[in-house]
Amino acid sequence: MKVLALGLVAAVMTAGMACAQTDDPTGPQPKLPTEKLTIISDDGKSHVFSVEMALTTQQQDTGLMFRTSVPADTGMLFPWPQPQVSEMWMKNTIAPLDMVFIGADHTVKAIAENTVPYSLRSISSGVPVIATLELQAGITAADDINVGDKVIAKQLGGS
């Protein structure tokens, strides 16, 4: 009886792991619908990006995984249903990224520059935010995008 019970437990655990593995993406998701997003620097300069909108849990879980590059004028926006501390990672993400964390006041609250591809290390906003924006690595430094800059996007309630 004990052997049968252990066998049943092992079969259930194996089936559960197989189900979990099939949910893990194995390739990039198709391009998502895009919106214009503008970041306005302290000096008044506008930086315009065409960002894919990761709206569903599945889209957010996959993000930019398996994409080999992120063009300089594009990115992906992860709007959160309510302000939260955003915890991201680079699992299966080939291209390094800059992560821009956007607060409820539509300003940049934190930036994680040049994140490490494939890293499972948590990348945190450190404070509650309403969205996370992933951009090409190095673009925030190149465009002089900084904490405090204003973010305008329809999905965030901007025009």
N, C-alpha and C. Protein backbone atom coordinates (compact mmCIF):
# COMPACT_ATOMS: atom_id res chain seq x y z
N MET A 1 0.83 -1.19 0.00
CA MET A 1 0.00 0.00 0.00
C MET A 1 0.87 1.25 0.00
N LYS A 2 1.93 1.24 0.83
CA LYS A 2 2.82 2.38 0.90
C LYS A 2 3.52 2.62 -0.44
N VAL A 3 3.94 1.54 -1.13
CA VAL A 3 4.60 1.66 -2.42
C VAL A 3 3.64 2.25 -3.45
N LEU A 4 2.39 1.81 -3.44
CA LEU A 4 1.38 2.33 -4.36
C LEU A 4 1.16 3.82 -4.11
N ALA A 5 1.08 4.22 -2.86
CA ALA A 5 0.87 5.62 -2.51
C ALA A 5 2.06 6.47 -2.96
N LEU A 6 3.27 5.97 -2.75
CA LEU A 6 4.45 6.71 -3.19
C LEU A 6 4.49 6.82 -4.70
N GLY A 7 4.10 5.74 -5.38
CA GLY A 7 4.06 5.77 -6.85
C GLY A 7 3.05 6.78 -7.35
N LEU A 8 1.90 6.84 -6.68
CA LEU A 8 0.87 7.80 -7.06
C LEU A 8 1.35 9.24 -6.83
N VAL A 9 2.01 9.49 -5.71
CA VAL A 9 2.55 10.81 -5.42
C VAL A 9 3.59 11.19 -6.48
N ALA A 10 4.47 10.27 -6.84
CA ALA A 10 5.49 10.54 -7.86
C ALA A 10 4.84 10.83 -9.20
N ALA A 11 3.79 10.10 -9.57
CA ALA A 11 3.10 10.33 -10.85
C ALA A 11 2.43 11.70 -10.87
N VAL A 12 1.80 12.08 -9.77
CA VAL A 12 1.14 13.38 -9.69
C VAL A 12 2.18 14.49 -9.77
N MET A 13 3.30 14.35 -9.06
CA MET A 13 4.35 15.37 -9.09
C MET A 13 4.94 15.50 -10.49
N THR A 14 5.17 14.38 -11.16
CA THR A 14 5.71 14.41 -12.52
C THR A 14 4.73 15.08 -13.47
N ALA A 15 3.46 14.78 -13.36
CA ALA A 15 2.44 15.40 -14.21
C ALA A 15 2.38 16.89 -13.94
N GLY A 16 2.46 17.29 -12.68
CA GLY A 16 2.44 18.70 -12.33
C GLY A 16 3.63 19.44 -12.90
N MET A 17 4.82 18.82 -12.85
CA MET A 17 6.00 19.47 -13.41
C MET A 17 5.89 19.57 -14.93
N ALA A 18 5.33 18.57 -15.57
CA ALA A 18 5.16 18.61 -17.02
C ALA A 18 4.23 19.74 -17.41
N CYS A 19 3.15 19.94 -16.64
CA CYS A 19 2.22 21.04 -16.92
C CYS A 19 2.92 22.38 -16.74
N ALA A 20 3.70 22.51 -15.68
CA ALA A 20 4.38 23.77 -15.42
C ALA A 20 5.37 24.07 -16.55
N GLN A 21 6.05 23.03 -17.06
CA GLN A 21 7.03 23.25 -18.10
C GLN A 21 6.37 23.68 -19.41
N THR A 22 5.17 23.21 -19.70
CA THR A 22 4.53 23.58 -20.95
C THR A 22 4.06 25.04 -20.91
N ASP A 23 3.89 25.62 -19.73
CA ASP A 23 3.49 27.01 -19.62
C ASP A 23 4.68 27.95 -19.80
N ASP A 24 5.90 27.44 -19.66
CA ASP A 24 7.09 28.26 -19.79
C ASP A 24 7.34 28.52 -21.27
N PRO A 25 7.44 29.79 -21.69
CA PRO A 25 7.63 30.07 -23.11
C PRO A 25 8.95 29.50 -23.63
N THR A 26 8.94 29.09 -24.88
CA THR A 26 10.14 28.53 -25.50
C THR A 26 10.62 29.40 -26.66
N GLY A 27 9.90 30.48 -26.93
CA GLY A 27 10.29 31.38 -28.00
C GLY A 27 9.63 32.73 -27.79
N PRO A 28 10.00 33.70 -28.63
CA PRO A 28 9.42 35.05 -28.45
C PRO A 28 7.93 35.06 -28.76
N GLN A 29 7.21 35.91 -28.05
CA GLN A 29 5.80 36.06 -28.35
C GLN A 29 5.66 36.94 -29.60
N PRO A 30 4.57 36.79 -30.33
CA PRO A 30 4.35 37.66 -31.49
C PRO A 30 4.34 39.13 -31.03
N LYS A 31 4.67 40.02 -31.95
CA LYS A 31 4.66 41.45 -31.61
C LYS A 31 3.28 41.84 -31.11
N LEU A 32 3.26 42.58 -30.01
CA LEU A 32 2.01 43.01 -29.37
C LEU A 32 1.57 44.36 -29.96
N PRO A 33 0.30 44.73 -29.75
CA PRO A 33 -0.15 46.06 -30.20
C PRO A 33 0.73 47.15 -29.57
N THR A 34 0.96 48.21 -30.33
CA THR A 34 1.85 49.27 -29.86
C THR A 34 1.12 50.58 -29.61
N GLU A 35 1.75 51.40 -28.80
CA GLU A 35 1.29 52.76 -28.50
C GLU A 35 2.50 53.66 -28.49
N LYS A 36 2.26 54.93 -28.68
CA LYS A 36 3.31 55.94 -28.55
C LYS A 36 3.47 56.27 -27.07
N LEU A 37 4.71 56.36 -26.64
CA LEU A 37 5.03 56.76 -25.27
C LEU A 37 6.11 57.84 -25.38
N THR A 38 5.94 58.92 -24.64
CA THR A 38 6.90 60.02 -24.68
C THR A 38 7.46 60.26 -23.28
N ILE A 39 8.77 60.41 -23.22
CA ILE A 39 9.43 60.80 -21.97
C ILE A 39 9.97 62.21 -22.19
N ILE A 40 9.59 63.11 -21.30
CA ILE A 40 10.03 64.50 -21.40
C ILE A 40 11.08 64.76 -20.31
N SER A 41 12.28 65.06 -20.75
CA SER A 41 13.40 65.31 -19.84
C SER A 41 13.26 66.66 -19.15
N ASP A 42 14.04 66.87 -18.11
CA ASP A 42 14.05 68.15 -17.38
C ASP A 42 14.30 69.34 -18.30
N ASP A 43 15.13 69.13 -19.34
CA ASP A 43 15.46 70.22 -20.26
C ASP A 43 14.37 70.44 -21.32
N GLY A 44 13.27 69.68 -21.23
CA GLY A 44 12.15 69.84 -22.15
C GLY A 44 12.24 68.99 -23.40
N LYS A 45 13.32 68.26 -23.58
CA LYS A 45 13.48 67.41 -24.77
C LYS A 45 12.55 66.20 -24.67
N SER A 46 11.87 65.89 -25.78
CA SER A 46 10.95 64.74 -25.84
C SER A 46 11.65 63.55 -26.47
N HIS A 47 11.46 62.39 -25.87
CA HIS A 47 11.97 61.13 -26.39
C HIS A 47 10.76 60.25 -26.67
N VAL A 48 10.50 59.94 -27.94
CA VAL A 48 9.30 59.21 -28.34
C VAL A 48 9.67 57.77 -28.66
N PHE A 49 8.88 56.84 -28.09
CA PHE A 49 9.08 55.42 -28.32
C PHE A 49 7.77 54.79 -28.79
N SER A 50 7.87 53.79 -29.62
CA SER A 50 6.73 52.95 -29.99
C SER A 50 6.84 51.71 -29.11
N VAL A 51 5.93 51.58 -28.14
CA VAL A 51 6.06 50.50 -27.16
C VAL A 51 4.95 49.46 -27.33
N GLU A 52 5.37 48.22 -27.25
CA GLU A 52 4.40 47.12 -27.24
C GLU A 52 3.74 47.11 -25.87
N MET A 53 2.43 46.81 -25.86
CA MET A 53 1.67 46.83 -24.62
C MET A 53 1.48 45.40 -24.09
N ALA A 54 2.17 45.09 -23.00
CA ALA A 54 2.03 43.79 -22.34
C ALA A 54 0.92 43.93 -21.30
N LEU A 55 -0.30 43.56 -21.70
CA LEU A 55 -1.47 43.81 -20.85
C LEU A 55 -1.93 42.59 -20.07
N THR A 56 -1.79 41.40 -20.64
CA THR A 56 -2.26 40.20 -19.95
C THR A 56 -1.12 39.59 -19.13
N THR A 57 -1.48 38.74 -18.20
CA THR A 57 -0.46 38.07 -17.38
C THR A 57 0.48 37.26 -18.27
N GLN A 58 -0.05 36.57 -19.26
CA GLN A 58 0.80 35.77 -20.15
C GLN A 58 1.76 36.67 -20.93
N GLN A 59 1.26 37.79 -21.45
CA GLN A 59 2.13 38.72 -22.19
C GLN A 59 3.21 39.28 -21.27
N GLN A 60 2.85 39.59 -20.03
CA GLN A 60 3.81 40.14 -19.08
C GLN A 60 4.82 39.09 -18.66
N ASP A 61 4.38 37.84 -18.48
CA ASP A 61 5.30 36.77 -18.10
C ASP A 61 6.34 36.52 -19.19
N THR A 62 5.95 36.66 -20.45
CA THR A 62 6.87 36.42 -21.57
C THR A 62 7.70 37.66 -21.89
N GLY A 63 7.08 38.84 -21.86
CA GLY A 63 7.81 40.08 -22.09
C GLY A 63 8.66 40.04 -23.34
N LEU A 64 9.92 40.44 -23.21
CA LEU A 64 10.85 40.47 -24.34
C LEU A 64 11.75 39.24 -24.41
N MET A 65 11.33 38.16 -23.73
CA MET A 65 12.11 36.92 -23.77
C MET A 65 12.37 36.49 -25.21
N PHE A 66 13.56 35.98 -25.44
CA PHE A 66 13.98 35.38 -26.71
C PHE A 66 14.14 36.37 -27.86
N ARG A 67 13.88 37.65 -27.63
CA ARG A 67 14.09 38.64 -28.69
C ARG A 67 15.60 38.93 -28.75
N THR A 68 16.15 38.93 -29.94
CA THR A 68 17.60 39.10 -30.07
C THR A 68 18.03 40.56 -30.01
N SER A 69 17.10 41.48 -30.22
CA SER A 69 17.44 42.90 -30.12
C SER A 69 16.18 43.70 -29.84
N VAL A 70 16.40 44.92 -29.36
CA VAL A 70 15.32 45.88 -29.13
C VAL A 70 15.76 47.17 -29.82
N PRO A 71 15.09 47.55 -30.91
CA PRO A 71 15.48 48.79 -31.59
C PRO A 71 15.40 50.00 -30.66
N ALA A 72 16.22 51.01 -30.94
CA ALA A 72 16.37 52.17 -30.06
C ALA A 72 15.07 52.95 -29.84
N ASP A 73 14.16 52.94 -30.79
CA ASP A 73 12.93 53.73 -30.65
C ASP A 73 11.72 52.89 -30.25
N THR A 74 11.99 51.69 -29.71
CA THR A 74 10.90 50.80 -29.31
C THR A 74 11.12 50.34 -27.88
N GLY A 75 10.14 49.59 -27.37
CA GLY A 75 10.24 49.01 -26.05
C GLY A 75 8.97 48.24 -25.73
N MET A 76 8.82 47.89 -24.47
CA MET A 76 7.61 47.19 -24.02
C MET A 76 7.18 47.81 -22.70
N LEU A 77 5.89 48.10 -22.59
CA LEU A 77 5.31 48.69 -21.38
C LEU A 77 4.50 47.65 -20.64
N PHE A 78 4.74 47.54 -19.34
CA PHE A 78 4.03 46.63 -18.46
C PHE A 78 3.21 47.48 -17.48
N PRO A 79 1.96 47.82 -17.83
CA PRO A 79 1.14 48.59 -16.88
C PRO A 79 0.61 47.65 -15.79
N TRP A 80 0.67 48.09 -14.54
CA TRP A 80 0.19 47.27 -13.43
C TRP A 80 -1.22 47.72 -13.05
N PRO A 81 -2.07 46.80 -12.57
CA PRO A 81 -3.46 47.16 -12.25
C PRO A 81 -3.59 48.17 -11.11
N GLN A 82 -2.58 48.22 -10.25
CA GLN A 82 -2.54 49.17 -9.14
C GLN A 82 -1.08 49.41 -8.80
N PRO A 83 -0.75 50.51 -8.14
CA PRO A 83 0.66 50.74 -7.78
C PRO A 83 1.22 49.57 -6.98
N GLN A 84 2.42 49.16 -7.35
CA GLN A 84 3.08 48.03 -6.68
C GLN A 84 4.58 48.17 -6.86
N VAL A 85 5.33 47.51 -5.98
CA VAL A 85 6.77 47.42 -6.18
C VAL A 85 6.95 46.43 -7.32
N SER A 86 7.54 46.88 -8.41
CA SER A 86 7.73 46.05 -9.60
C SER A 86 9.00 45.21 -9.43
N GLU A 87 8.85 43.92 -9.59
CA GLU A 87 9.98 42.98 -9.50
C GLU A 87 10.11 42.30 -10.86
N MET A 88 11.18 42.58 -11.57
CA MET A 88 11.40 42.03 -12.91
C MET A 88 12.63 41.11 -12.87
N TRP A 89 12.84 40.37 -13.97
CA TRP A 89 14.04 39.56 -14.12
C TRP A 89 14.33 39.43 -15.60
N MET A 90 15.45 38.80 -15.93
CA MET A 90 15.89 38.69 -17.31
C MET A 90 15.88 37.24 -17.81
N LYS A 91 15.10 36.39 -17.17
CA LYS A 91 15.03 34.98 -17.58
C LYS A 91 14.73 34.90 -19.07
N ASN A 92 15.54 34.13 -19.79
CA ASN A 92 15.37 33.90 -21.23
C ASN A 92 15.39 35.18 -22.06
N THR A 93 15.89 36.26 -21.50
CA THR A 93 15.96 37.53 -22.24
C THR A 93 17.38 37.68 -22.77
N ILE A 94 17.49 37.67 -24.08
CA ILE A 94 18.79 37.66 -24.76
C ILE A 94 19.42 39.05 -24.79
N ALA A 95 18.62 40.06 -25.09
CA ALA A 95 19.13 41.43 -25.23
C ALA A 95 19.16 42.14 -23.88
N PRO A 96 20.27 42.81 -23.56
CA PRO A 96 20.28 43.61 -22.33
C PRO A 96 19.26 44.74 -22.45
N LEU A 97 18.75 45.19 -21.33
CA LEU A 97 17.69 46.20 -21.33
C LEU A 97 17.97 47.30 -20.31
N ASP A 98 17.32 48.44 -20.52
CA ASP A 98 17.16 49.45 -19.48
C ASP A 98 15.72 49.32 -19.01
N MET A 99 15.49 49.29 -17.71
CA MET A 99 14.14 49.23 -17.16
C MET A 99 13.83 50.56 -16.48
N VAL A 100 12.72 51.15 -16.90
CA VAL A 100 12.29 52.45 -16.38
C VAL A 100 11.02 52.21 -15.58
N PHE A 101 11.03 52.59 -14.31
CA PHE A 101 9.90 52.37 -13.42
C PHE A 101 9.12 53.68 -13.28
N ILE A 102 7.81 53.64 -13.58
CA ILE A 102 6.98 54.83 -13.69
C ILE A 102 5.99 54.91 -12.54
N GLY A 103 6.01 56.02 -11.82
CA GLY A 103 5.14 56.21 -10.66
C GLY A 103 3.75 56.69 -11.03
N ALA A 104 2.87 56.70 -10.04
CA ALA A 104 1.48 57.13 -10.23
C ALA A 104 1.38 58.58 -10.68
N ASP A 105 2.40 59.38 -10.40
CA ASP A 105 2.41 60.77 -10.84
C ASP A 105 2.99 60.92 -12.25
N HIS A 106 3.21 59.78 -12.92
CA HIS A 106 3.71 59.70 -14.30
C HIS A 106 5.13 60.24 -14.45
N THR A 107 5.91 60.09 -13.39
CA THR A 107 7.32 60.43 -13.48
C THR A 107 8.16 59.17 -13.29
N VAL A 108 9.38 59.24 -13.79
CA VAL A 108 10.31 58.13 -13.64
C VAL A 108 10.76 58.08 -12.18
N LYS A 109 10.53 56.95 -11.53
CA LYS A 109 10.89 56.78 -10.12
C LYS A 109 12.24 56.09 -9.94
N ALA A 110 12.61 55.22 -10.89
CA ALA A 110 13.88 54.49 -10.81
C ALA A 110 14.23 53.98 -12.21
N ILE A 111 15.52 53.76 -12.44
CA ILE A 111 15.99 53.19 -13.70
C ILE A 111 17.03 52.12 -13.37
N ALA A 112 16.87 50.95 -13.99
CA ALA A 112 17.88 49.90 -13.91
C ALA A 112 18.53 49.83 -15.30
N GLU A 113 19.79 50.23 -15.39
CA GLU A 113 20.46 50.30 -16.68
C GLU A 113 21.23 49.02 -16.99
N ASN A 114 21.26 48.69 -18.28
CA ASN A 114 22.07 47.58 -18.79
C ASN A 114 21.90 46.29 -18.00
N THR A 115 20.67 45.85 -17.87
CA THR A 115 20.40 44.62 -17.13
C THR A 115 21.08 43.43 -17.82
N VAL A 116 21.40 42.43 -17.06
CA VAL A 116 22.20 41.30 -17.52
C VAL A 116 21.32 40.22 -18.16
N PRO A 117 21.58 39.91 -19.45
CA PRO A 117 20.80 38.87 -20.12
C PRO A 117 20.82 37.55 -19.34
N TYR A 118 19.68 36.87 -19.34
CA TYR A 118 19.46 35.55 -18.73
C TYR A 118 19.50 35.55 -17.20
N SER A 119 19.76 36.68 -16.57
CA SER A 119 19.88 36.71 -15.11
C SER A 119 18.54 36.45 -14.44
N LEU A 120 18.57 35.67 -13.37
CA LEU A 120 17.37 35.42 -12.57
C LEU A 120 17.32 36.36 -11.35
N ARG A 121 18.29 37.27 -11.26
CA ARG A 121 18.32 38.24 -10.15
C ARG A 121 17.13 39.18 -10.27
N SER A 122 16.49 39.46 -9.15
CA SER A 122 15.35 40.37 -9.13
C SER A 122 15.82 41.80 -9.36
N ILE A 123 15.09 42.49 -10.24
CA ILE A 123 15.36 43.90 -10.52
C ILE A 123 14.13 44.64 -10.01
N SER A 124 14.29 45.42 -8.96
CA SER A 124 13.17 46.01 -8.25
C SER A 124 13.08 47.52 -8.47
N SER A 125 11.84 47.99 -8.53
CA SER A 125 11.61 49.44 -8.59
C SER A 125 11.94 50.09 -7.25
N GLY A 126 11.85 49.32 -6.18
CA GLY A 126 12.15 49.84 -4.84
C GLY A 126 11.01 50.64 -4.22
N VAL A 127 10.12 51.15 -5.05
CA VAL A 127 8.96 51.92 -4.59
C VAL A 127 7.76 51.50 -5.44
N PRO A 128 6.54 51.73 -4.95
CA PRO A 128 5.37 51.39 -5.76
C PRO A 128 5.35 52.20 -7.07
N VAL A 129 5.04 51.51 -8.16
CA VAL A 129 4.94 52.14 -9.48
C VAL A 129 3.69 51.62 -10.19
N ILE A 130 3.27 52.35 -11.23
CA ILE A 130 2.09 51.92 -11.99
C ILE A 130 2.47 51.20 -13.28
N ALA A 131 3.76 51.26 -13.65
CA ALA A 131 4.19 50.59 -14.87
C ALA A 131 5.70 50.44 -14.89
N THR A 132 6.14 49.46 -15.70
CA THR A 132 7.56 49.27 -15.97
C THR A 132 7.74 49.34 -17.48
N LEU A 133 8.74 50.07 -17.92
CA LEU A 133 9.04 50.22 -19.33
C LEU A 133 10.40 49.60 -19.60
N GLU A 134 10.46 48.67 -20.56
CA GLU A 134 11.72 48.06 -20.96
C GLU A 134 12.15 48.66 -22.29
N LEU A 135 13.40 49.13 -22.32
CA LEU A 135 13.97 49.77 -23.50
C LEU A 135 15.32 49.14 -23.83
N GLN A 136 15.84 49.47 -25.00
CA GLN A 136 17.17 49.02 -25.39
C GLN A 136 18.19 49.46 -24.34
N ALA A 137 19.11 48.56 -23.99
CA ALA A 137 20.15 48.89 -23.01
C ALA A 137 20.96 50.09 -23.48
N GLY A 138 21.19 51.02 -22.56
CA GLY A 138 22.00 52.19 -22.84
C GLY A 138 21.23 53.40 -23.33
N ILE A 139 19.96 53.21 -23.70
CA ILE A 139 19.18 54.31 -24.27
C ILE A 139 18.88 55.40 -23.24
N THR A 140 18.70 55.02 -21.97
CA THR A 140 18.40 56.05 -20.97
C THR A 140 19.61 56.98 -20.77
N ALA A 141 20.81 56.41 -20.79
CA ALA A 141 22.02 57.25 -20.68
C ALA A 141 22.22 58.06 -21.95
N ALA A 142 22.06 57.43 -23.10
CA ALA A 142 22.28 58.12 -24.38
C ALA A 142 21.30 59.28 -24.56
N ASP A 143 20.05 59.09 -24.14
CA ASP A 143 19.03 60.14 -24.30
C ASP A 143 18.91 61.03 -23.07
N ASP A 144 19.76 60.80 -22.06
CA ASP A 144 19.74 61.58 -20.82
C ASP A 144 18.37 61.53 -20.15
N ILE A 145 17.82 60.31 -20.06
CA ILE A 145 16.55 60.08 -19.35
C ILE A 145 16.90 59.80 -17.89
N ASN A 146 16.22 60.51 -16.99
CA ASN A 146 16.58 60.44 -15.57
C ASN A 146 15.35 60.32 -14.67
N VAL A 147 15.60 59.94 -13.42
CA VAL A 147 14.56 59.94 -12.40
C VAL A 147 13.98 61.35 -12.34
N GLY A 148 12.64 61.43 -12.30
CA GLY A 148 11.95 62.71 -12.27
C GLY A 148 11.39 63.14 -13.61
N ASP A 149 11.89 62.54 -14.71
CA ASP A 149 11.38 62.89 -16.03
C ASP A 149 9.91 62.46 -16.15
N LYS A 150 9.15 63.20 -16.95
CA LYS A 150 7.71 62.97 -17.13
C LYS A 150 7.47 61.94 -18.22
N VAL A 151 6.50 61.04 -17.99
CA VAL A 151 6.14 60.00 -18.96
C VAL A 151 4.69 60.21 -19.38
N ILE A 152 4.48 60.26 -20.70
CA ILE A 152 3.13 60.44 -21.24
C ILE A 152 2.81 59.25 -22.14
N ALA A 153 1.70 58.57 -21.81
CA ALA A 153 1.24 57.43 -22.61
C ALA A 153 -0.25 57.26 -22.37
N LYS A 154 -0.97 56.95 -23.41
CA LYS A 154 -2.42 56.76 -23.33
C LYS A 154 -2.76 55.73 -22.25
N GLN A 155 -2.05 54.62 -22.22
CA GLN A 155 -2.33 53.54 -21.28
C GLN A 155 -2.14 53.98 -19.83
N LEU A 156 -1.36 55.03 -19.62
CA LEU A 156 -1.12 55.52 -18.26
C LEU A 156 -2.04 56.68 -17.90
N GLY A 157 -2.97 56.99 -18.82
CA GLY A 157 -3.89 58.09 -18.57
C GLY A 157 -3.43 59.40 -19.17
N GLY A 158 -2.33 59.36 -19.95
CA GLY A 158 -1.84 60.57 -20.63
C GLY A 158 -2.36 60.61 -22.04
N SER A 159 -2.12 61.71 -22.74
CA SER A 159 -2.64 61.85 -24.10
C SER A 159 -1.76 61.23 -25.13
